[in-house]
Amino acid sequence: MSDGPLREEPGTGVASDHHLIAPTLRTDRLRMVAFAERHLEPFTRIQYDPRVAEWYGGLPDPPHEWSTQLEQTWRVMAMFAGHWVLRGFGQWAVEDAETGDLLGRVGLWQPEGWPGIEVGWLVHPDRWGRGYATEAARTAVEWGFTSLGLDRIISVTVPHNTRSQQVMRKVGLTDTGTTVEVGGHEQVLFAVTNQEWSTR
C-alpha cells in the first residue's frame, strides 16, 4: 500500500537531464542527434554492409534475415542510449543537415575495461572519402574537451586499418607508438590531450 501519491523528483526526467539524452550538435554539413526509432532501418543497413564488416568486424555471427538484423541493431542503439545514461557521453547519430539522411554514427565511448575515453565513428561506405568522419569526430572531441573538461581522448584501431588512422590524424590525434588489446585484438593507440587540443 502506497503512503501517498506518486511523486516524480524534479530535474530527473529524460527531457530535463542532460546526462540522459545526447545534446544536438551541428556543423556546416552535419547534424549530430540522439539515436531514435527512425534510425533503426538505415543504421541496420550500414551495420550489415559487407564493406563495414571488412574494417569494423560488423556484428558477431551476422544473420541473413532482415528481421533478425533489425533486432540486433535495435539492441546496439539501446546500448548507445544506455551509455549516455551511465557515462554522461556517448555516440550520436550523424545526419545530413540538408536531407536528414543517416550518414552513420560518431561519439565518445568508454565501456567498462576500455583503455580510455575513445572517439569513434562509422560512416556509410557510400559516403566515405567526403570528410564526414573527420568533421563529426572533431566536433565530438571539441565537445568532450569544452563541455566535459576531459583531460585526454584516445582512438584505437587494428594496425592494418590505415583509413581510420588517417582520419585520426586529421582529427588531431597522434600515434602514441604503443598498442593495446581491445576486444581480443591488438590495436594501435592514438591520443590527444586537452592542452594539446587547445594549443593546436
N, C-alpha and C. Protein backbone atom coordinates (compact mmCIF):
# COMPACT_ATOMS: atom_id res chain seq x y z
N MET A 1 0.85 -1.19 0.00
CA MET A 1 0.00 0.00 0.00
C MET A 1 0.89 1.24 0.00
N SER A 2 0.63 2.17 -0.94
CA SER A 2 1.40 3.41 -1.02
C SER A 2 1.02 4.35 0.10
N ASP A 3 2.02 5.13 0.57
CA ASP A 3 1.77 6.10 1.63
C ASP A 3 1.24 7.42 1.08
N GLY A 4 1.17 7.55 -0.24
CA GLY A 4 0.70 8.80 -0.82
C GLY A 4 0.79 8.75 -2.32
N PRO A 5 0.47 9.87 -2.96
CA PRO A 5 0.51 9.91 -4.43
C PRO A 5 1.94 9.78 -4.95
N LEU A 6 2.04 9.27 -6.14
CA LEU A 6 3.34 9.14 -6.80
C LEU A 6 3.94 10.52 -7.02
N ARG A 7 5.19 10.67 -6.65
CA ARG A 7 5.86 11.97 -6.82
C ARG A 7 7.13 11.77 -7.63
N GLU A 8 7.26 12.55 -8.67
CA GLU A 8 8.46 12.50 -9.51
C GLU A 8 9.42 13.59 -9.06
N GLU A 9 10.66 13.22 -8.82
CA GLU A 9 11.65 14.20 -8.37
C GLU A 9 11.97 15.17 -9.50
N PRO A 10 11.88 16.47 -9.26
CA PRO A 10 12.15 17.46 -10.32
C PRO A 10 13.57 17.31 -10.86
N GLY A 11 13.69 17.55 -12.16
CA GLY A 11 15.00 17.55 -12.78
C GLY A 11 15.57 16.18 -13.08
N THR A 12 14.75 15.13 -13.03
CA THR A 12 15.26 13.79 -13.27
C THR A 12 14.69 13.14 -14.52
N GLY A 13 13.83 13.84 -15.25
CA GLY A 13 13.26 13.29 -16.46
C GLY A 13 14.23 13.30 -17.62
N VAL A 14 13.92 12.49 -18.61
CA VAL A 14 14.80 12.41 -19.78
C VAL A 14 14.98 13.77 -20.44
N ALA A 15 13.90 14.53 -20.55
CA ALA A 15 13.98 15.80 -21.27
C ALA A 15 14.73 16.87 -20.49
N SER A 16 14.89 16.68 -19.17
CA SER A 16 15.46 17.74 -18.37
C SER A 16 16.86 17.44 -17.84
N ASP A 17 17.34 16.22 -18.03
CA ASP A 17 18.64 15.84 -17.51
C ASP A 17 19.59 15.56 -18.66
N HIS A 18 20.61 16.42 -18.84
CA HIS A 18 21.49 16.29 -19.99
C HIS A 18 22.29 14.99 -19.96
N HIS A 19 22.36 14.33 -18.83
CA HIS A 19 23.07 13.06 -18.75
C HIS A 19 22.26 11.91 -19.33
N LEU A 20 20.99 12.13 -19.62
CA LEU A 20 20.14 11.05 -20.09
C LEU A 20 19.86 11.11 -21.58
N ILE A 21 20.23 12.18 -22.24
CA ILE A 21 19.98 12.28 -23.67
C ILE A 21 21.08 13.11 -24.31
N ALA A 22 21.46 12.74 -25.52
CA ALA A 22 22.55 13.43 -26.21
C ALA A 22 22.12 14.82 -26.65
N PRO A 23 22.95 15.82 -26.42
CA PRO A 23 22.64 17.15 -26.96
C PRO A 23 22.79 17.13 -28.47
N THR A 24 22.04 17.95 -29.15
CA THR A 24 22.16 18.05 -30.61
C THR A 24 23.27 19.02 -30.96
N LEU A 25 24.20 18.56 -31.80
CA LEU A 25 25.31 19.39 -32.26
C LEU A 25 25.20 19.56 -33.77
N ARG A 26 25.66 20.71 -34.26
CA ARG A 26 25.57 20.99 -35.70
C ARG A 26 26.91 21.47 -36.23
N THR A 27 27.19 21.09 -37.47
CA THR A 27 28.31 21.64 -38.22
C THR A 27 27.73 22.20 -39.51
N ASP A 28 28.58 22.65 -40.41
CA ASP A 28 28.08 23.19 -41.67
C ASP A 28 27.29 22.16 -42.46
N ARG A 29 27.73 20.90 -42.39
CA ARG A 29 27.09 19.86 -43.22
C ARG A 29 26.33 18.81 -42.43
N LEU A 30 26.55 18.75 -41.12
CA LEU A 30 26.06 17.63 -40.35
C LEU A 30 25.19 18.05 -39.18
N ARG A 31 24.35 17.13 -38.77
CA ARG A 31 23.54 17.27 -37.55
C ARG A 31 23.75 16.02 -36.73
N MET A 32 24.24 16.17 -35.51
CA MET A 32 24.53 15.04 -34.63
C MET A 32 23.46 15.00 -33.55
N VAL A 33 22.68 13.92 -33.53
CA VAL A 33 21.49 13.82 -32.68
C VAL A 33 21.49 12.50 -31.92
N ALA A 34 20.63 12.40 -30.92
CA ALA A 34 20.45 11.14 -30.21
C ALA A 34 19.81 10.12 -31.15
N PHE A 35 20.22 8.86 -31.01
CA PHE A 35 19.61 7.80 -31.80
C PHE A 35 18.13 7.71 -31.46
N ALA A 36 17.31 7.50 -32.52
CA ALA A 36 15.86 7.40 -32.36
C ALA A 36 15.35 6.26 -33.23
N GLU A 37 14.08 5.92 -33.05
CA GLU A 37 13.49 4.81 -33.81
C GLU A 37 13.64 4.99 -35.32
N ARG A 38 13.60 6.23 -35.78
CA ARG A 38 13.70 6.47 -37.23
C ARG A 38 15.04 6.04 -37.81
N HIS A 39 16.03 5.86 -36.95
CA HIS A 39 17.36 5.47 -37.42
C HIS A 39 17.53 3.96 -37.54
N LEU A 40 16.56 3.18 -37.08
CA LEU A 40 16.75 1.73 -36.99
C LEU A 40 17.04 1.10 -38.34
N GLU A 41 16.20 1.31 -39.33
CA GLU A 41 16.41 0.66 -40.62
C GLU A 41 17.66 1.16 -41.34
N PRO A 42 17.88 2.48 -41.45
CA PRO A 42 19.10 2.91 -42.14
C PRO A 42 20.37 2.51 -41.41
N PHE A 43 20.34 2.48 -40.06
CA PHE A 43 21.55 2.09 -39.34
C PHE A 43 21.79 0.59 -39.48
N THR A 44 20.73 -0.19 -39.58
CA THR A 44 20.88 -1.62 -39.82
C THR A 44 21.57 -1.86 -41.16
N ARG A 45 21.19 -1.12 -42.17
CA ARG A 45 21.82 -1.28 -43.48
C ARG A 45 23.30 -0.93 -43.42
N ILE A 46 23.64 0.09 -42.65
CA ILE A 46 25.06 0.46 -42.51
C ILE A 46 25.82 -0.63 -41.78
N GLN A 47 25.26 -1.10 -40.65
CA GLN A 47 25.96 -2.09 -39.83
C GLN A 47 26.25 -3.38 -40.59
N TYR A 48 25.31 -3.79 -41.46
CA TYR A 48 25.45 -5.07 -42.13
C TYR A 48 26.00 -4.95 -43.55
N ASP A 49 26.45 -3.77 -43.92
CA ASP A 49 27.10 -3.62 -45.22
C ASP A 49 28.43 -4.40 -45.18
N PRO A 50 28.69 -5.26 -46.16
CA PRO A 50 29.94 -6.05 -46.14
C PRO A 50 31.20 -5.20 -46.09
N ARG A 51 31.14 -3.99 -46.64
CA ARG A 51 32.32 -3.12 -46.60
C ARG A 51 32.60 -2.63 -45.19
N VAL A 52 31.57 -2.52 -44.38
CA VAL A 52 31.75 -2.17 -42.97
C VAL A 52 32.36 -3.34 -42.21
N ALA A 53 31.84 -4.53 -42.47
CA ALA A 53 32.33 -5.71 -41.77
C ALA A 53 33.82 -5.94 -42.02
N GLU A 54 34.29 -5.56 -43.21
CA GLU A 54 35.70 -5.75 -43.54
C GLU A 54 36.61 -4.99 -42.59
N TRP A 55 36.20 -3.76 -42.20
CA TRP A 55 37.06 -2.90 -41.38
C TRP A 55 36.67 -2.87 -39.92
N TYR A 56 35.39 -3.01 -39.64
CA TYR A 56 34.91 -2.84 -38.28
C TYR A 56 34.49 -4.15 -37.62
N GLY A 57 34.54 -5.22 -38.39
CA GLY A 57 34.18 -6.50 -37.79
C GLY A 57 32.69 -6.79 -37.79
N GLY A 58 31.84 -5.75 -38.04
CA GLY A 58 30.41 -5.96 -38.04
C GLY A 58 29.92 -6.51 -36.71
N LEU A 59 28.82 -7.21 -36.74
CA LEU A 59 28.27 -7.84 -35.54
C LEU A 59 28.65 -9.33 -35.55
N PRO A 60 28.80 -9.93 -34.38
CA PRO A 60 29.17 -11.34 -34.33
C PRO A 60 28.12 -12.23 -35.00
N ASP A 61 28.57 -13.19 -35.81
CA ASP A 61 27.68 -14.13 -36.49
C ASP A 61 26.51 -13.41 -37.15
N PRO A 62 26.78 -12.52 -38.12
CA PRO A 62 25.70 -11.71 -38.70
C PRO A 62 24.62 -12.59 -39.34
N PRO A 63 23.36 -12.37 -38.99
CA PRO A 63 22.27 -13.15 -39.56
C PRO A 63 21.90 -12.65 -40.95
N HIS A 64 21.28 -13.52 -41.73
CA HIS A 64 20.84 -13.13 -43.07
C HIS A 64 19.43 -12.55 -43.06
N GLU A 65 18.65 -12.91 -42.06
CA GLU A 65 17.25 -12.47 -42.01
C GLU A 65 17.18 -11.00 -41.61
N TRP A 66 16.44 -10.22 -42.39
CA TRP A 66 16.30 -8.79 -42.13
C TRP A 66 15.71 -8.53 -40.74
N SER A 67 14.72 -9.33 -40.34
CA SER A 67 14.09 -9.10 -39.04
C SER A 67 15.09 -9.30 -37.90
N THR A 68 15.98 -10.27 -38.04
CA THR A 68 16.99 -10.51 -37.01
C THR A 68 18.04 -9.41 -37.01
N GLN A 69 18.39 -8.93 -38.18
CA GLN A 69 19.32 -7.80 -38.26
C GLN A 69 18.75 -6.57 -37.56
N LEU A 70 17.46 -6.33 -37.76
CA LEU A 70 16.80 -5.21 -37.10
C LEU A 70 16.84 -5.38 -35.58
N GLU A 71 16.57 -6.58 -35.11
CA GLU A 71 16.56 -6.84 -33.66
C GLU A 71 17.94 -6.59 -33.06
N GLN A 72 18.98 -7.07 -33.73
CA GLN A 72 20.33 -6.87 -33.19
C GLN A 72 20.74 -5.40 -33.24
N THR A 73 20.37 -4.71 -34.30
CA THR A 73 20.72 -3.29 -34.40
C THR A 73 19.96 -2.49 -33.34
N TRP A 74 18.72 -2.87 -33.07
CA TRP A 74 17.96 -2.18 -32.02
C TRP A 74 18.69 -2.29 -30.69
N ARG A 75 19.26 -3.45 -30.40
CA ARG A 75 20.00 -3.64 -29.15
C ARG A 75 21.25 -2.78 -29.12
N VAL A 76 21.91 -2.63 -30.27
CA VAL A 76 23.08 -1.75 -30.34
C VAL A 76 22.68 -0.31 -30.04
N MET A 77 21.58 0.15 -30.65
CA MET A 77 21.10 1.51 -30.40
C MET A 77 20.71 1.70 -28.95
N ALA A 78 20.10 0.67 -28.34
CA ALA A 78 19.75 0.76 -26.92
C ALA A 78 21.01 0.85 -26.07
N MET A 79 22.07 0.15 -26.47
CA MET A 79 23.34 0.23 -25.76
C MET A 79 23.90 1.65 -25.84
N PHE A 80 23.82 2.26 -27.02
CA PHE A 80 24.28 3.64 -27.16
C PHE A 80 23.50 4.57 -26.22
N ALA A 81 22.18 4.39 -26.17
CA ALA A 81 21.36 5.23 -25.28
C ALA A 81 21.75 5.01 -23.83
N GLY A 82 21.98 3.76 -23.45
CA GLY A 82 22.37 3.46 -22.09
C GLY A 82 23.73 4.03 -21.71
N HIS A 83 24.62 4.08 -22.69
CA HIS A 83 25.95 4.65 -22.43
C HIS A 83 25.84 6.11 -22.01
N TRP A 84 24.94 6.85 -22.65
CA TRP A 84 24.72 8.25 -22.25
C TRP A 84 24.23 8.34 -20.81
N VAL A 85 23.36 7.42 -20.40
CA VAL A 85 22.83 7.43 -19.05
C VAL A 85 23.93 7.14 -18.03
N LEU A 86 24.77 6.15 -18.33
CA LEU A 86 25.77 5.70 -17.37
C LEU A 86 27.02 6.58 -17.34
N ARG A 87 27.40 7.12 -18.48
CA ARG A 87 28.67 7.86 -18.58
C ARG A 87 28.50 9.37 -18.73
N GLY A 88 27.36 9.81 -19.23
CA GLY A 88 27.18 11.24 -19.48
C GLY A 88 27.73 11.68 -20.81
N PHE A 89 28.13 10.72 -21.65
CA PHE A 89 28.57 10.99 -23.02
C PHE A 89 28.33 9.71 -23.82
N GLY A 90 28.48 9.80 -25.14
CA GLY A 90 28.22 8.60 -25.94
C GLY A 90 28.25 8.87 -27.43
N GLN A 91 27.53 8.02 -28.16
CA GLN A 91 27.50 8.08 -29.62
C GLN A 91 26.30 8.88 -30.10
N TRP A 92 26.54 9.68 -31.14
CA TRP A 92 25.47 10.38 -31.83
C TRP A 92 25.14 9.69 -33.14
N ALA A 93 23.90 9.81 -33.57
CA ALA A 93 23.54 9.50 -34.94
C ALA A 93 23.90 10.73 -35.77
N VAL A 94 24.59 10.54 -36.89
CA VAL A 94 25.05 11.65 -37.72
C VAL A 94 24.16 11.73 -38.96
N GLU A 95 23.50 12.85 -39.12
CA GLU A 95 22.59 13.06 -40.24
C GLU A 95 23.12 14.14 -41.18
N ASP A 96 22.75 14.03 -42.44
CA ASP A 96 22.99 15.10 -43.40
C ASP A 96 22.11 16.28 -42.99
N ALA A 97 22.72 17.44 -42.80
CA ALA A 97 21.97 18.60 -42.29
C ALA A 97 20.88 19.05 -43.26
N GLU A 98 21.07 18.81 -44.55
CA GLU A 98 20.09 19.26 -45.55
C GLU A 98 18.98 18.24 -45.77
N THR A 99 19.35 16.97 -45.92
CA THR A 99 18.37 15.95 -46.29
C THR A 99 17.83 15.16 -45.10
N GLY A 100 18.57 15.14 -43.99
CA GLY A 100 18.18 14.33 -42.84
C GLY A 100 18.57 12.87 -42.97
N ASP A 101 19.24 12.50 -44.07
CA ASP A 101 19.66 11.11 -44.26
C ASP A 101 20.68 10.72 -43.19
N LEU A 102 20.58 9.49 -42.70
CA LEU A 102 21.55 8.99 -41.73
C LEU A 102 22.85 8.66 -42.45
N LEU A 103 23.95 9.25 -41.98
CA LEU A 103 25.27 9.01 -42.56
C LEU A 103 26.06 8.00 -41.75
N GLY A 104 25.73 7.83 -40.48
CA GLY A 104 26.47 6.90 -39.62
C GLY A 104 26.37 7.32 -38.17
N ARG A 105 27.43 7.05 -37.43
CA ARG A 105 27.49 7.40 -36.02
C ARG A 105 28.86 7.94 -35.69
N VAL A 106 28.93 8.72 -34.62
CA VAL A 106 30.21 9.20 -34.09
C VAL A 106 30.01 9.56 -32.64
N GLY A 107 31.07 9.51 -31.86
CA GLY A 107 30.93 9.94 -30.48
C GLY A 107 32.03 9.44 -29.58
N LEU A 108 31.83 9.65 -28.30
CA LEU A 108 32.78 9.26 -27.27
C LEU A 108 32.30 7.98 -26.62
N TRP A 109 33.24 7.11 -26.30
CA TRP A 109 32.90 5.73 -25.98
C TRP A 109 33.84 5.22 -24.91
N GLN A 110 33.32 4.66 -23.84
CA GLN A 110 34.16 4.07 -22.81
C GLN A 110 33.40 2.97 -22.07
N PRO A 111 33.23 1.82 -22.73
CA PRO A 111 32.65 0.69 -21.99
C PRO A 111 33.58 0.26 -20.87
N GLU A 112 33.07 -0.51 -19.94
CA GLU A 112 33.89 -0.99 -18.84
C GLU A 112 35.09 -1.76 -19.39
N GLY A 113 36.29 -1.44 -18.85
CA GLY A 113 37.51 -2.10 -19.27
C GLY A 113 38.18 -1.48 -20.47
N TRP A 114 37.59 -0.42 -21.03
CA TRP A 114 38.20 0.26 -22.20
C TRP A 114 39.45 1.00 -21.76
N PRO A 115 40.43 1.17 -22.66
CA PRO A 115 41.70 1.83 -22.26
C PRO A 115 41.61 3.33 -22.07
N GLY A 116 40.48 3.93 -22.29
CA GLY A 116 40.31 5.38 -22.11
C GLY A 116 39.02 5.81 -22.78
N ILE A 117 38.75 7.11 -22.76
CA ILE A 117 37.58 7.65 -23.46
C ILE A 117 37.95 7.78 -24.93
N GLU A 118 37.27 7.03 -25.75
CA GLU A 118 37.63 6.95 -27.17
C GLU A 118 36.66 7.72 -28.05
N VAL A 119 37.18 8.42 -29.05
CA VAL A 119 36.34 8.96 -30.10
C VAL A 119 36.32 7.92 -31.22
N GLY A 120 35.11 7.55 -31.62
CA GLY A 120 34.95 6.54 -32.66
C GLY A 120 33.88 6.94 -33.65
N TRP A 121 33.90 6.30 -34.82
CA TRP A 121 32.96 6.69 -35.87
C TRP A 121 32.69 5.50 -36.77
N LEU A 122 31.58 5.60 -37.48
CA LEU A 122 31.21 4.64 -38.50
C LEU A 122 30.34 5.37 -39.51
N VAL A 123 30.82 5.48 -40.73
CA VAL A 123 30.13 6.22 -41.79
C VAL A 123 29.70 5.25 -42.89
N HIS A 124 28.55 5.50 -43.47
CA HIS A 124 28.06 4.67 -44.57
C HIS A 124 29.12 4.61 -45.66
N PRO A 125 29.47 3.40 -46.13
CA PRO A 125 30.53 3.28 -47.13
C PRO A 125 30.31 4.12 -48.39
N ASP A 126 29.05 4.34 -48.76
CA ASP A 126 28.79 5.17 -49.94
C ASP A 126 29.20 6.62 -49.73
N ARG A 127 29.42 7.00 -48.47
CA ARG A 127 29.79 8.38 -48.14
C ARG A 127 31.25 8.50 -47.72
N TRP A 128 32.02 7.43 -47.84
CA TRP A 128 33.45 7.52 -47.50
C TRP A 128 34.16 8.49 -48.43
N GLY A 129 35.21 9.11 -47.92
CA GLY A 129 36.04 9.99 -48.73
C GLY A 129 35.53 11.41 -48.86
N ARG A 130 34.49 11.77 -48.12
CA ARG A 130 33.92 13.12 -48.21
C ARG A 130 34.19 13.96 -46.96
N GLY A 131 34.95 13.41 -46.02
CA GLY A 131 35.33 14.16 -44.83
C GLY A 131 34.30 14.18 -43.73
N TYR A 132 33.24 13.37 -43.84
CA TYR A 132 32.20 13.38 -42.81
C TYR A 132 32.72 12.86 -41.47
N ALA A 133 33.49 11.78 -41.51
CA ALA A 133 34.01 11.22 -40.26
C ALA A 133 34.90 12.22 -39.54
N THR A 134 35.78 12.87 -40.29
CA THR A 134 36.68 13.86 -39.70
C THR A 134 35.90 15.02 -39.09
N GLU A 135 34.93 15.54 -39.84
CA GLU A 135 34.14 16.68 -39.39
C GLU A 135 33.35 16.35 -38.12
N ALA A 136 32.72 15.19 -38.10
CA ALA A 136 31.92 14.80 -36.93
C ALA A 136 32.81 14.46 -35.74
N ALA A 137 33.92 13.78 -35.99
CA ALA A 137 34.80 13.40 -34.89
C ALA A 137 35.44 14.62 -34.24
N ARG A 138 35.84 15.60 -35.04
CA ARG A 138 36.38 16.84 -34.47
C ARG A 138 35.36 17.51 -33.57
N THR A 139 34.12 17.50 -34.00
CA THR A 139 33.05 18.12 -33.21
C THR A 139 32.87 17.38 -31.89
N ALA A 140 32.93 16.05 -31.94
CA ALA A 140 32.79 15.25 -30.72
C ALA A 140 33.95 15.50 -29.76
N VAL A 141 35.16 15.58 -30.29
CA VAL A 141 36.34 15.84 -29.44
C VAL A 141 36.24 17.24 -28.82
N GLU A 142 35.87 18.21 -29.63
CA GLU A 142 35.72 19.58 -29.13
C GLU A 142 34.70 19.62 -28.00
N TRP A 143 33.58 18.94 -28.18
CA TRP A 143 32.54 18.89 -27.14
C TRP A 143 33.07 18.21 -25.89
N GLY A 144 33.82 17.14 -26.04
CA GLY A 144 34.36 16.43 -24.88
C GLY A 144 35.30 17.29 -24.06
N PHE A 145 36.13 18.07 -24.74
CA PHE A 145 37.09 18.91 -24.03
C PHE A 145 36.44 20.17 -23.45
N THR A 146 35.55 20.81 -24.21
CA THR A 146 34.99 22.08 -23.76
C THR A 146 33.78 21.91 -22.84
N SER A 147 32.93 20.94 -23.11
CA SER A 147 31.72 20.76 -22.32
C SER A 147 31.92 19.84 -21.12
N LEU A 148 32.77 18.82 -21.28
CA LEU A 148 33.00 17.87 -20.20
C LEU A 148 34.31 18.11 -19.46
N GLY A 149 35.21 18.87 -20.07
CA GLY A 149 36.50 19.12 -19.43
C GLY A 149 37.39 17.89 -19.36
N LEU A 150 37.27 17.00 -20.34
CA LEU A 150 38.08 15.78 -20.34
C LEU A 150 39.56 16.12 -20.47
N ASP A 151 40.40 15.28 -19.90
CA ASP A 151 41.85 15.50 -19.96
C ASP A 151 42.48 14.90 -21.20
N ARG A 152 41.92 13.78 -21.67
CA ARG A 152 42.55 13.05 -22.77
C ARG A 152 41.50 12.24 -23.51
N ILE A 153 41.62 12.20 -24.82
CA ILE A 153 40.74 11.40 -25.66
C ILE A 153 41.61 10.52 -26.55
N ILE A 154 41.23 9.26 -26.67
CA ILE A 154 42.01 8.33 -27.46
C ILE A 154 41.20 7.84 -28.66
N SER A 155 41.85 7.09 -29.53
CA SER A 155 41.17 6.35 -30.58
C SER A 155 42.03 5.13 -30.90
N VAL A 156 41.39 4.00 -31.14
CA VAL A 156 42.12 2.77 -31.40
C VAL A 156 41.58 2.11 -32.67
N THR A 157 42.45 1.35 -33.32
CA THR A 157 42.06 0.57 -34.48
C THR A 157 43.10 -0.51 -34.73
N VAL A 158 42.75 -1.48 -35.54
CA VAL A 158 43.72 -2.53 -35.87
C VAL A 158 44.81 -1.92 -36.75
N PRO A 159 46.02 -2.45 -36.67
CA PRO A 159 47.16 -1.85 -37.38
C PRO A 159 46.97 -1.68 -38.89
N HIS A 160 46.23 -2.59 -39.52
CA HIS A 160 46.09 -2.52 -40.98
C HIS A 160 44.99 -1.55 -41.43
N ASN A 161 44.24 -0.98 -40.49
CA ASN A 161 43.19 -0.04 -40.88
C ASN A 161 43.78 1.36 -41.02
N THR A 162 44.50 1.55 -42.10
CA THR A 162 45.17 2.83 -42.33
C THR A 162 44.18 3.95 -42.64
N ARG A 163 43.00 3.59 -43.13
CA ARG A 163 41.98 4.61 -43.43
C ARG A 163 41.56 5.31 -42.14
N SER A 164 41.29 4.53 -41.09
CA SER A 164 40.89 5.12 -39.82
C SER A 164 42.04 5.91 -39.20
N GLN A 165 43.26 5.40 -39.33
CA GLN A 165 44.42 6.10 -38.79
C GLN A 165 44.61 7.46 -39.47
N GLN A 166 44.30 7.53 -40.75
CA GLN A 166 44.38 8.81 -41.45
C GLN A 166 43.36 9.79 -40.90
N VAL A 167 42.14 9.30 -40.62
CA VAL A 167 41.12 10.16 -40.03
C VAL A 167 41.56 10.63 -38.65
N MET A 168 42.14 9.74 -37.86
CA MET A 168 42.61 10.10 -36.52
C MET A 168 43.58 11.28 -36.60
N ARG A 169 44.50 11.21 -37.53
CA ARG A 169 45.49 12.29 -37.68
C ARG A 169 44.81 13.59 -38.11
N LYS A 170 43.84 13.50 -39.01
CA LYS A 170 43.13 14.70 -39.46
C LYS A 170 42.32 15.32 -38.32
N VAL A 171 41.79 14.48 -37.45
CA VAL A 171 41.03 14.98 -36.30
C VAL A 171 41.93 15.73 -35.34
N GLY A 172 43.19 15.29 -35.23
CA GLY A 172 44.13 15.95 -34.33
C GLY A 172 44.78 15.03 -33.33
N LEU A 173 44.55 13.72 -33.47
CA LEU A 173 45.17 12.74 -32.57
C LEU A 173 46.53 12.32 -33.12
N THR A 174 47.41 11.89 -32.22
CA THR A 174 48.76 11.50 -32.58
C THR A 174 49.00 10.05 -32.20
N ASP A 175 49.73 9.34 -33.05
CA ASP A 175 50.10 7.96 -32.77
C ASP A 175 51.02 7.93 -31.55
N THR A 176 50.62 7.20 -30.53
CA THR A 176 51.43 7.14 -29.30
C THR A 176 52.60 6.17 -29.42
N GLY A 177 52.59 5.37 -30.48
CA GLY A 177 53.65 4.38 -30.65
C GLY A 177 53.45 3.14 -29.80
N THR A 178 52.31 3.03 -29.16
CA THR A 178 52.01 1.87 -28.31
C THR A 178 50.77 1.17 -28.84
N THR A 179 50.59 -0.06 -28.38
CA THR A 179 49.41 -0.83 -28.74
C THR A 179 48.69 -1.28 -27.47
N VAL A 180 47.40 -1.54 -27.61
CA VAL A 180 46.58 -2.03 -26.50
C VAL A 180 45.72 -3.17 -27.03
N GLU A 181 45.32 -4.05 -26.13
CA GLU A 181 44.43 -5.13 -26.53
C GLU A 181 43.00 -4.73 -26.25
N VAL A 182 42.20 -4.71 -27.29
CA VAL A 182 40.78 -4.33 -27.19
C VAL A 182 39.96 -5.39 -27.89
N GLY A 183 39.02 -5.98 -27.17
CA GLY A 183 38.17 -6.99 -27.77
C GLY A 183 38.92 -8.20 -28.28
N GLY A 184 40.05 -8.49 -27.64
CA GLY A 184 40.83 -9.64 -28.05
C GLY A 184 41.73 -9.40 -29.23
N HIS A 185 41.85 -8.13 -29.67
CA HIS A 185 42.69 -7.79 -30.81
C HIS A 185 43.70 -6.72 -30.41
N GLU A 186 44.91 -6.83 -30.94
CA GLU A 186 45.92 -5.81 -30.70
C GLU A 186 45.58 -4.57 -31.54
N GLN A 187 45.56 -3.40 -30.89
CA GLN A 187 45.15 -2.17 -31.58
C GLN A 187 46.20 -1.09 -31.38
N VAL A 188 46.38 -0.27 -32.41
CA VAL A 188 47.26 0.89 -32.27
C VAL A 188 46.50 1.98 -31.52
N LEU A 189 47.23 2.76 -30.74
CA LEU A 189 46.62 3.76 -29.86
C LEU A 189 47.03 5.16 -30.28
N PHE A 190 46.03 5.98 -30.63
CA PHE A 190 46.22 7.40 -30.92
C PHE A 190 45.61 8.18 -29.76
N ALA A 191 46.09 9.40 -29.52
CA ALA A 191 45.56 10.19 -28.40
C ALA A 191 45.81 11.68 -28.61
N VAL A 192 45.02 12.49 -27.91
CA VAL A 192 45.23 13.93 -27.85
C VAL A 192 44.79 14.39 -26.46
N THR A 193 45.54 15.30 -25.86
CA THR A 193 45.18 15.84 -24.55
C THR A 193 44.43 17.15 -24.73
N ASN A 194 43.76 17.56 -23.66
CA ASN A 194 43.04 18.82 -23.68
C ASN A 194 43.99 19.98 -23.97
N GLN A 195 45.15 19.96 -23.36
CA GLN A 195 46.13 21.04 -23.57
C GLN A 195 46.61 21.06 -25.01
N GLU A 196 46.89 19.89 -25.57
CA GLU A 196 47.32 19.83 -26.96
C GLU A 196 46.23 20.34 -27.89
N TRP A 197 45.00 20.00 -27.58
CA TRP A 197 43.87 20.43 -28.42
C TRP A 197 43.70 21.95 -28.37
N SER A 198 43.85 22.52 -27.19
CA SER A 198 43.63 23.97 -27.04
C SER A 198 44.74 24.81 -27.64
N THR A 199 45.90 24.20 -27.87
CA THR A 199 47.03 24.97 -28.42
C THR A 199 47.35 24.56 -29.84
N ARG A 200 46.50 23.78 -30.47
CA ARG A 200 46.79 23.30 -31.83
C ARG A 200 46.73 24.43 -32.83
